[in-house]
Amino acid sequence: MKFLLKFLAILVIALAIFYAFVYFVPYSEGNRSGELIKFSNKGVIFKTYEGEISQGISRCSNFFIFSVRSRQRRY
């Protein structure tokens, strides 16, 4: 029983560290330019801003879909 509790505690701590790393560490930096097509506030538990940029003129242009996590609340 004691071994199981220690194992579960270590597992919970490891999952918390993994989640924090995946959520808070940026994996890409850079700039994109184009025409902003859509920008909206989405989410049930984690509120984020979702957007879409068109990077071209014709029908076969590239669309870049992005997400922005809000750090500042607006009232």
Protein backbone atom coordinates (compact mmCIF):
# COMPACT_ATOMS: atom_id res chain seq x y z
CA MET A 1 0.00 0.00 0.00
CA LYS A 2 2.82 2.39 0.89
CA PHE A 3 4.56 1.65 -2.42
CA LEU A 4 1.37 2.39 -4.38
CA LEU A 5 0.94 5.79 -2.70
CA LYS A 6 4.55 6.74 -3.42
CA PHE A 7 4.19 5.60 -7.03
CA LEU A 8 0.98 7.62 -7.53
CA ALA A 9 2.56 10.71 -5.94
CA ILE A 10 5.59 10.47 -8.25
CA LEU A 11 3.31 9.93 -11.25
CA VAL A 12 1.20 13.01 -10.42
CA ILE A 13 4.31 15.15 -9.95
CA ALA A 14 5.81 13.92 -13.23
CA LEU A 15 2.58 14.65 -15.12
CA ALA A 16 2.39 18.15 -13.57
CA ILE A 17 5.97 18.90 -14.65
CA PHE A 18 5.29 17.60 -18.16
CA TYR A 19 2.10 19.69 -18.45
CA ALA A 20 3.89 22.83 -17.23
CA PHE A 21 6.69 22.30 -19.75
CA VAL A 22 4.33 21.74 -22.69
CA TYR A 23 2.03 24.63 -21.73
CA PHE A 24 4.53 27.35 -20.80
CA VAL A 25 7.65 26.73 -22.94
CA PRO A 26 7.42 28.40 -26.37
CA TYR A 27 8.36 26.14 -29.26
CA SER A 28 8.31 28.68 -32.07
CA GLU A 29 9.12 32.35 -32.53
CA GLY A 30 8.80 34.50 -35.61
CA ASN A 31 6.66 36.88 -37.61
CA ARG A 32 3.96 36.28 -40.19
CA SER A 33 2.27 38.91 -42.28
CA GLY A 34 -0.95 38.91 -44.25
CA GLU A 35 -4.58 39.93 -44.09
CA LEU A 36 -6.39 39.12 -40.86
CA ILE A 37 -9.46 37.09 -41.82
CA LYS A 38 -10.87 35.95 -38.48
CA PHE A 39 -10.16 36.69 -34.80
CA SER A 40 -12.39 35.37 -32.00
CA ASN A 41 -12.38 34.49 -28.29
CA LYS A 42 -12.92 30.75 -27.75
CA GLY A 43 -12.71 28.16 -25.02
CA VAL A 44 -14.72 26.70 -22.19
CA ILE A 45 -12.05 26.14 -19.53
CA PHE A 46 -8.96 27.76 -21.10
CA LYS A 47 -9.89 31.01 -22.86
CA THR A 48 -7.78 31.76 -25.94
CA TYR A 49 -8.01 34.04 -28.93
CA GLU A 50 -8.10 32.12 -32.21
CA GLY A 51 -7.32 33.77 -35.53
CA GLU A 52 -6.65 33.18 -39.18
CA ILE A 53 -4.37 35.12 -41.56
CA SER A 54 -4.53 34.94 -45.35
CA GLN A 55 -1.06 35.00 -46.89
CA GLY A 56 -1.87 35.47 -50.54
CA ILE A 57 -4.10 37.11 -53.12
CA SER A 58 -5.67 34.31 -55.13
CA ARG A 59 -7.97 31.44 -54.13
CA CYS A 60 -4.98 29.15 -53.58
CA SER A 61 -3.43 31.36 -50.91
CA ASN A 62 -2.03 29.98 -47.67
CA PHE A 63 -4.04 30.33 -44.49
CA PHE A 64 -2.18 30.51 -41.19
CA ILE A 65 -4.29 29.53 -38.16
CA PHE A 66 -3.00 30.76 -34.80
CA SER A 67 -3.92 30.88 -31.13
CA VAL A 68 -3.09 33.56 -28.53
CA ARG A 69 -3.40 32.94 -24.82
CA SER A 70 -4.70 36.03 -23.02
CA ARG A 71 -2.54 37.32 -20.15
CA GLN A 72 -4.62 40.42 -19.44
CA ARG A 73 -8.32 40.47 -18.64
CA ARG A 74 -10.51 43.11 -20.20
CA TYR A 75 -13.69 44.18 -18.51
